[in-house]
Amino acid sequence: MLGIIRIKISNFVELCKDEIFVYLKSTVKQTIIEYISQLDDDSNPNPYDDNNVRLIDQVKQLKIQEFLHLLSRVLTNVRTMLGRVKVAIVK
C-alpha cells in the first residue's frame, strides 16, 4: 500500500473498483455457465441443446426452482469472492 502511495497513483480506488467489477462479472458468468452445463448433463430431453442460444436466453428458460438454485449458487460464489477481496485488501 505504501508503495502505491509513493508512486502517487491518485486513481487507486478507481483501479481497484474496476478490477473488482471485472472479477465479480466473471464470477457470476462462470457460475451461470457451470450451472447451465450441469443441467445439460443431467437432463435427458435437452431444452438447452441449441448452440446458438445466448446465455441469457438459457437462463430465461429455467424453471423457477432451477433459477432459485442458480441464484443461490451465484450469491454463494459472490460471497466467497468478496471474502477473498476483503482478505487481499486487509493484508
C-alpha atoms as a PDB file:
ATOM      1  CA  MET A   1       0.000   0.000   0.000  1.00  0.00           C
ATOM      2  CA  LEU A   2       2.779   2.407   0.853  1.00  0.00           C
ATOM      3  CA  GLY A   3       4.425   1.649  -2.472  1.00  0.00           C
ATOM      4  CA  ILE A   4       1.291   2.722  -4.277  1.00  0.00           C
ATOM      5  CA  ILE A   5       1.148   5.932  -2.265  1.00  0.00           C
ATOM      6  CA  ARG A   6       4.838   6.591  -3.007  1.00  0.00           C
ATOM      7  CA  ILE A   7       4.347   6.349  -6.760  1.00  0.00           C
ATOM      8  CA  LYS A   8       1.418   8.729  -6.427  1.00  0.00           C
ATOM      9  CA  ILE A   9      -1.311   6.739  -8.125  1.00  0.00           C
ATOM     10  CA  SER A  10      -4.233   9.014  -7.431  1.00  0.00           C
ATOM     11  CA  ASN A  11      -6.830   6.791  -9.026  1.00  0.00           C
ATOM     12  CA  PHE A  12      -6.017   3.698  -6.946  1.00  0.00           C
ATOM     13  CA  VAL A  13      -9.597   3.345  -5.730  1.00  0.00           C
ATOM     14  CA  GLU A  14     -10.913   3.549  -9.283  1.00  0.00           C
ATOM     15  CA  LEU A  15      -8.439   0.885 -10.413  1.00  0.00           C
ATOM     16  CA  CYS A  16      -9.454  -1.412  -7.552  1.00  0.00           C
ATOM     17  CA  LYS A  17     -13.136  -0.812  -8.215  1.00  0.00           C
ATOM     18  CA  ASP A  18     -12.740  -1.669 -11.894  1.00  0.00           C
ATOM     19  CA  GLU A  19     -10.793  -4.842 -11.097  1.00  0.00           C
ATOM     20  CA  ILE A  20     -13.384  -5.944  -8.548  1.00  0.00           C
ATOM     21  CA  PHE A  21     -16.236  -5.358 -11.016  1.00  0.00           C
ATOM     22  CA  VAL A  22     -14.460  -7.448 -13.668  1.00  0.00           C
ATOM     23  CA  TYR A  23     -13.845 -10.184 -11.077  1.00  0.00           C
ATOM     24  CA  LEU A  24     -17.492 -10.033  -9.971  1.00  0.00           C
ATOM     25  CA  LYS A  25     -18.816 -10.205 -13.527  1.00  0.00           C
ATOM     26  CA  SER A  26     -16.590 -13.148 -14.417  1.00  0.00           C
ATOM     27  CA  THR A  27     -17.559 -14.987 -11.211  1.00  0.00           C
ATOM     28  CA  VAL A  28     -21.277 -14.603 -11.929  1.00  0.00           C
ATOM     29  CA  LYS A  29     -20.896 -15.570 -15.587  1.00  0.00           C
ATOM     30  CA  GLN A  30     -18.760 -18.625 -14.787  1.00  0.00           C
ATOM     31  CA  THR A  31     -21.259 -19.787 -12.157  1.00  0.00           C
ATOM     32  CA  ILE A  32     -24.132 -19.489 -14.644  1.00  0.00           C
ATOM     33  CA  ILE A  33     -22.193 -21.337 -17.347  1.00  0.00           C
ATOM     34  CA  GLU A  34     -21.325 -24.171 -14.959  1.00  0.00           C
ATOM     35  CA  TYR A  35     -24.935 -24.448 -13.756  1.00  0.00           C
ATOM     36  CA  ILE A  36     -26.387 -24.472 -17.291  1.00  0.00           C
ATOM     37  CA  SER A  37     -23.866 -27.081 -18.423  1.00  0.00           C
ATOM     38  CA  GLN A  38     -24.695 -29.216 -15.373  1.00  0.00           C
ATOM     39  CA  LEU A  39     -28.375 -29.044 -16.314  1.00  0.00           C
ATOM     40  CA  ASP A  40     -27.441 -30.076 -19.846  1.00  0.00           C
ATOM     41  CA  ASP A  41     -25.618 -33.127 -18.491  1.00  0.00           C
ATOM     42  CA  ASP A  42     -28.397 -34.094 -16.060  1.00  0.00           C
ATOM     43  CA  SER A  43     -31.425 -33.728 -18.292  1.00  0.00           C
ATOM     44  CA  ASN A  44     -32.499 -36.431 -20.717  1.00  0.00           C
ATOM     45  CA  PRO A  45     -34.505 -34.280 -23.118  1.00  0.00           C
ATOM     46  CA  ASN A  46     -32.186 -31.332 -23.531  1.00  0.00           C
ATOM     47  CA  PRO A  47     -34.006 -27.991 -23.880  1.00  0.00           C
ATOM     48  CA  TYR A  48     -30.678 -26.105 -23.950  1.00  0.00           C
ATOM     49  CA  ASP A  49     -29.116 -28.070 -26.795  1.00  0.00           C
ATOM     50  CA  ASP A  50     -29.133 -25.277 -29.367  1.00  0.00           C
ATOM     51  CA  ASN A  51     -25.590 -23.902 -29.636  1.00  0.00           C
ATOM     52  CA  ASN A  52     -26.885 -20.588 -30.981  1.00  0.00           C
ATOM     53  CA  VAL A  53     -28.861 -19.790 -27.829  1.00  0.00           C
ATOM     54  CA  ARG A  54     -27.296 -16.999 -25.808  1.00  0.00           C
ATOM     55  CA  LEU A  55     -26.569 -17.486 -22.125  1.00  0.00           C
ATOM     56  CA  ILE A  56     -29.279 -15.028 -21.039  1.00  0.00           C
ATOM     57  CA  ASP A  57     -31.832 -16.909 -23.137  1.00  0.00           C
ATOM     58  CA  GLN A  58     -30.850 -20.151 -21.447  1.00  0.00           C
ATOM     59  CA  VAL A  59     -31.311 -18.529 -18.042  1.00  0.00           C
ATOM     60  CA  LYS A  60     -34.740 -17.253 -19.108  1.00  0.00           C
ATOM     61  CA  GLN A  61     -35.744 -20.825 -19.994  1.00  0.00           C
ATOM     62  CA  LEU A  62     -35.058 -22.090 -16.471  1.00  0.00           C
ATOM     63  CA  LYS A  63     -37.907 -23.223 -14.271  1.00  0.00           C
ATOM     64  CA  ILE A  64     -38.438 -21.200 -11.104  1.00  0.00           C
ATOM     65  CA  GLN A  65     -36.821 -23.831  -8.855  1.00  0.00           C
ATOM     66  CA  GLU A  66     -33.809 -24.082 -11.175  1.00  0.00           C
ATOM     67  CA  PHE A  67     -33.491 -20.304 -11.243  1.00  0.00           C
ATOM     68  CA  LEU A  68     -33.654 -20.053  -7.447  1.00  0.00           C
ATOM     69  CA  HIS A  69     -30.992 -22.739  -7.137  1.00  0.00           C
ATOM     70  CA  LEU A  70     -28.837 -20.860  -9.654  1.00  0.00           C
ATOM     71  CA  LEU A  71     -29.340 -17.621  -7.726  1.00  0.00           C
ATOM     72  CA  SER A  72     -28.292 -19.361  -4.531  1.00  0.00           C
ATOM     73  CA  ARG A  73     -25.100 -20.616  -6.174  1.00  0.00           C
ATOM     74  CA  VAL A  74     -24.321 -17.185  -7.619  1.00  0.00           C
ATOM     75  CA  LEU A  75     -24.783 -15.490  -4.248  1.00  0.00           C
ATOM     76  CA  THR A  76     -22.630 -18.116  -2.507  1.00  0.00           C
ATOM     77  CA  ASN A  77     -19.846 -17.634  -5.038  1.00  0.00           C
ATOM     78  CA  VAL A  78     -20.096 -13.840  -4.818  1.00  0.00           C
ATOM     79  CA  ARG A  79     -19.914 -14.033  -1.018  1.00  0.00           C
ATOM     80  CA  THR A  80     -16.792 -16.199  -1.326  1.00  0.00           C
ATOM     81  CA  MET A  81     -15.303 -13.757  -3.838  1.00  0.00           C
ATOM     82  CA  LEU A  82     -15.974 -10.768  -1.588  1.00  0.00           C
ATOM     83  CA  GLY A  83     -14.333 -12.584   1.296  1.00  0.00           C
ATOM     84  CA  ARG A  84     -11.230 -13.124  -0.843  1.00  0.00           C
ATOM     85  CA  VAL A  85     -11.188  -9.472  -1.878  1.00  0.00           C
ATOM     86  CA  LYS A  86     -11.538  -8.413   1.763  1.00  0.00           C
ATOM     87  CA  VAL A  87      -8.637 -10.661   2.803  1.00  0.00           C
ATOM     88  CA  ALA A  88      -6.497  -9.328  -0.055  1.00  0.00           C
ATOM     89  CA  ILE A  89      -7.230  -5.712   0.892  1.00  0.00           C
ATOM     90  CA  VAL A  90      -6.623  -6.251   4.601  1.00  0.00           C
ATOM     91  CA  LYS A  91      -3.220  -7.892   4.008  1.00  0.00           C
END
